[in-house]
């Protein structure tokens, strides 16, 4: 999915569908089908993540799950990601139907990940732009991902970003410098509610 193809109206559609998917699943234990008015471009395969935060003075994560790679149509991946973020994030108990109206929904639509190619692993930080690039690490069968908004929220520099990416995957902080480690980068368009069920804005990641 191209970043330039997405508008605020698209964000409103995606956020509403994510929220409706969660509410429908919590109420009926059923997954929504893509609505008839789904734009054709949302039938294209795309990576996507749904992040749920508790409303408050400071954000408190309540769930985040998604599809790193463009393996499914965006609309299907979104519905599944929203439900999984609400009910199956292993870090949190399932969201309740009474809780959903206290949750801020955020949707990140991802570009296809590209392998970062460098001559020496020490050059990796120079190929990363904080506030623009999300990262995926692969070391054998082990994988981990951080969305581009994460290093901004934690005020990390490039090396801290890479170290925490390693930790997210359950690896040592310095595994990014090892020869058999692969690092991919991607970009994201991030839509977010200003408050639960509220106005949608395009999030500035910088």
Protein backbone atom coordinates (compact mmCIF):
# COMPACT_ATOMS: atom_id res chain seq x y z
CA UNK A 1 0.00 0.00 0.00
CA UNK A 2 1.42 3.39 -1.02
CA UNK A 3 1.48 6.06 1.69
CA UNK A 4 0.37 8.69 -0.84
CA UNK A 5 -2.83 6.75 -1.59
CA UNK A 6 -4.32 7.25 1.87
CA UNK A 7 -6.49 10.15 3.05
CA UNK A 8 -8.12 11.20 6.30
CA UNK A 9 -11.37 9.77 4.93
CA UNK A 10 -9.59 6.44 4.53
CA UNK A 11 -8.43 6.71 8.12
CA UNK A 12 -11.97 7.34 9.31
CA UNK A 13 -13.14 4.22 7.48
CA UNK A 14 -10.33 2.06 8.87
CA UNK A 15 -10.71 3.27 12.47
CA UNK A 16 -14.48 2.80 12.40
CA UNK A 17 -14.12 -0.69 10.94
CA UNK A 18 -11.54 -1.61 13.58
CA UNK A 19 -13.78 -0.39 16.39
CA UNK A 20 -16.90 -2.04 14.91
CA UNK A 21 -14.99 -5.31 14.48
CA UNK A 22 -13.99 -5.33 18.15
CA UNK A 23 -17.49 -4.49 19.39
CA UNK A 24 -19.13 -7.09 17.14
CA UNK A 25 -16.71 -9.80 18.25
CA UNK A 26 -17.13 -8.98 21.94
CA UNK A 27 -20.93 -8.94 21.62
CA UNK A 28 -21.50 -11.86 19.25
CA UNK A 29 -18.19 -13.75 19.04
CA UNK A 30 -18.34 -13.25 15.26
CA UNK A 31 -15.96 -11.64 12.81
CA UNK A 32 -17.35 -8.91 10.57
CA UNK A 33 -17.25 -9.32 6.83
CA UNK A 34 -15.82 -6.43 4.78
CA UNK A 35 -18.66 -3.91 4.36
CA UNK A 36 -20.10 -3.34 0.87
CA UNK A 37 -18.76 0.22 0.82
CA UNK A 38 -15.14 -0.92 1.28
CA UNK A 39 -12.91 1.04 -1.14
CA UNK A 40 -11.34 -1.12 -3.82
CA UNK A 41 -7.82 -0.15 -2.73
CA UNK A 42 -8.44 -1.80 0.65
CA UNK A 43 -8.72 -5.12 -1.15
CA UNK A 44 -5.01 -4.82 -1.97
CA UNK A 45 -2.66 -6.83 0.23
CA UNK A 46 -0.99 -4.73 2.92
CA UNK A 47 0.59 -4.97 6.32
CA UNK A 48 -1.33 -3.29 9.13
CA UNK A 49 -1.24 -2.97 12.92
CA UNK A 50 -4.01 -2.01 15.33
CA UNK A 51 -2.92 -0.39 18.59
CA UNK A 52 -5.29 0.13 21.50
CA UNK A 53 -4.53 2.66 24.24
CA UNK A 54 -6.38 3.54 27.41
CA UNK A 55 -7.68 7.09 27.51
CA UNK A 56 -5.78 9.24 29.99
CA UNK A 57 -3.23 12.01 30.46
CA UNK A 58 -0.54 9.62 29.25
CA UNK A 59 -1.14 6.75 26.87
CA UNK A 60 -1.27 3.30 28.40
CA UNK A 61 -0.98 0.44 25.95
CA UNK A 62 -3.87 -2.02 26.07
CA UNK A 63 -3.13 -4.15 23.03
CA UNK A 64 -1.20 -4.15 19.74
CA UNK A 65 -1.22 -6.85 17.08
CA UNK A 66 -0.93 -6.81 13.32
CA UNK A 67 0.36 -8.16 10.03
CA UNK A 68 3.97 -7.11 9.30
CA UNK A 69 3.87 -8.32 5.70
CA UNK A 70 1.36 -7.82 2.84
CA UNK A 71 -0.07 -11.34 2.98
CA UNK A 72 -3.79 -10.50 3.08
CA UNK A 73 -6.14 -7.82 1.75
CA UNK A 74 -5.88 -4.76 3.99
CA UNK A 75 -9.54 -4.89 5.01
CA UNK A 76 -9.25 -8.53 6.15
CA UNK A 77 -5.95 -7.96 7.92
CA UNK A 78 -7.45 -4.94 9.70
CA UNK A 79 -10.52 -6.82 10.97
CA UNK A 80 -8.37 -9.68 12.24
CA UNK A 81 -5.76 -7.37 13.79
CA UNK A 82 -8.39 -5.33 15.63
CA UNK A 83 -9.98 -8.43 17.16
CA UNK A 84 -6.63 -9.97 18.08
CA UNK A 85 -5.35 -6.73 19.62
CA UNK A 86 -8.46 -6.57 21.79
CA UNK A 87 -8.64 -10.22 22.80
CA UNK A 88 -5.37 -12.06 22.16
CA UNK A 89 -2.40 -9.85 23.01
CA UNK A 90 -0.56 -12.13 25.49
CA UNK A 91 0.56 -9.14 27.55
CA UNK A 92 -2.98 -8.15 28.55
CA UNK A 93 -6.35 -9.64 29.48
CA UNK A 94 -9.08 -9.37 26.89
CA UNK A 95 -10.84 -6.02 26.59
CA UNK A 96 -14.42 -6.09 27.85
CA UNK A 97 -17.43 -4.59 26.11
CA UNK A 98 -17.74 -2.02 28.90
CA UNK A 99 -14.12 -1.01 28.39
CA UNK A 100 -14.21 -0.39 24.65
CA UNK A 101 -15.60 3.15 25.01
CA UNK A 102 -12.55 4.07 27.10
CA UNK A 103 -10.10 2.88 24.44
CA UNK A 104 -8.40 5.00 21.76
CA UNK A 105 -7.95 3.13 18.48
CA UNK A 106 -4.87 3.62 16.31
CA UNK A 107 -4.34 2.03 12.87
CA UNK A 108 -0.93 1.84 11.17
CA UNK A 109 -0.94 0.92 7.47
CA UNK A 110 2.46 -0.44 6.49
CA UNK A 111 4.52 -0.33 3.33
CA UNK A 112 6.28 -3.53 2.22
CA UNK A 113 9.42 -4.15 4.34
CA UNK A 114 12.77 -3.79 2.58
CA UNK A 115 16.00 -5.45 3.69
CA UNK A 116 18.61 -2.91 4.81
CA UNK A 117 21.80 -3.75 2.93
CA UNK A 118 25.12 -2.51 4.35
CA UNK A 119 28.75 -3.57 4.00
CA UNK A 120 29.29 -3.52 7.76
CA UNK A 121 26.65 -3.89 10.47
CA UNK A 122 28.07 -0.79 12.16
CA UNK A 123 26.62 1.19 9.25
CA UNK A 124 23.02 0.14 10.05
CA UNK A 125 22.15 3.14 12.27
CA UNK A 126 22.97 5.50 9.40
CA UNK A 127 20.31 3.82 7.24
CA UNK A 128 17.50 4.39 9.77
CA UNK A 129 15.36 7.53 10.09
CA UNK A 130 13.73 8.00 13.49
CA UNK A 131 10.08 8.94 13.09
CA UNK A 132 9.92 7.47 9.61
CA UNK A 133 11.19 3.89 9.63
CA UNK A 134 9.67 0.93 11.41
CA UNK A 135 11.99 -2.06 11.84
CA UNK A 136 11.78 -5.85 11.64
CA UNK A 137 14.53 -8.13 12.87
CA UNK A 138 15.08 -11.70 11.69
CA UNK A 139 17.64 -14.04 13.21
CA UNK A 140 16.99 -17.59 12.08
CA UNK A 141 13.38 -18.41 12.99
CA UNK A 142 13.18 -15.53 15.51
CA UNK A 143 11.47 -12.30 14.47
CA UNK A 144 10.51 -9.02 16.13
CA UNK A 145 8.97 -5.71 15.05
CA UNK A 146 8.74 -2.14 16.28
CA UNK A 147 6.46 0.43 14.65
CA UNK A 148 8.00 3.79 13.62
CA UNK A 149 6.16 5.69 16.36
CA UNK A 150 7.82 3.67 19.13
CA UNK A 151 11.33 5.23 19.12
CA UNK A 152 9.75 8.69 19.03
CA UNK A 153 7.61 7.92 22.09
CA UNK A 154 10.67 6.64 23.99
CA UNK A 155 13.12 9.25 22.66
CA UNK A 156 15.54 6.60 21.38
CA UNK A 157 18.40 7.26 18.99
CA UNK A 158 19.15 4.82 16.17
CA UNK A 159 21.36 2.47 18.19
CA UNK A 160 18.89 2.40 21.10
CA UNK A 161 16.16 1.64 18.58
CA UNK A 162 18.10 -1.33 17.22
CA UNK A 163 18.95 -2.59 20.72
CA UNK A 164 15.31 -2.47 21.80
CA UNK A 165 14.25 -4.16 18.57
CA UNK A 166 16.55 -7.03 19.54
CA UNK A 167 15.04 -7.11 23.03
CA UNK A 168 11.50 -7.13 21.60
CA UNK A 169 12.41 -10.33 19.74
CA UNK A 170 13.82 -11.88 22.92
CA UNK A 171 17.42 -11.55 21.71
CA UNK A 172 20.47 -9.89 23.24
CA UNK A 173 20.69 -6.12 22.87
CA UNK A 174 23.70 -6.36 20.55
CA UNK A 175 22.39 -9.04 18.20
CA UNK A 176 21.85 -6.46 15.43
CA UNK A 177 25.61 -6.33 14.80
CA UNK A 178 25.87 -10.09 14.19
CA UNK A 179 26.41 -11.27 10.62
CA UNK A 180 23.44 -13.66 10.50
CA UNK A 181 20.95 -11.00 11.62
CA UNK A 182 18.72 -9.34 9.04
CA UNK A 183 17.11 -5.92 9.60
CA UNK A 184 14.22 -4.71 7.44
CA UNK A 185 12.65 -1.26 7.42
CA UNK A 186 9.19 -0.09 6.44
CA UNK A 187 7.12 3.07 6.68
CA UNK A 188 3.61 3.58 8.00
CA UNK A 189 0.66 5.92 7.74
CA UNK A 190 -0.80 6.16 11.24
CA UNK A 191 -4.39 7.22 11.94
CA UNK A 192 -5.52 7.80 15.50
CA UNK A 193 -8.63 8.83 17.39
CA UNK A 194 -8.22 12.01 19.42
CA UNK A 195 -10.49 10.41 22.02
CA UNK A 196 -12.63 7.25 22.07
CA UNK A 197 -15.13 7.45 19.18
CA UNK A 198 -13.75 10.92 18.46
CA UNK A 199 -12.25 12.82 15.56
CA UNK A 200 -9.58 11.04 13.51
CA UNK A 201 -6.22 12.62 12.73
CA UNK A 202 -3.13 11.63 10.81
CA UNK A 203 -0.41 11.15 13.40
CA UNK A 204 2.85 13.02 13.00
CA UNK A 205 5.56 10.50 13.85
CA UNK A 206 8.40 12.96 14.25
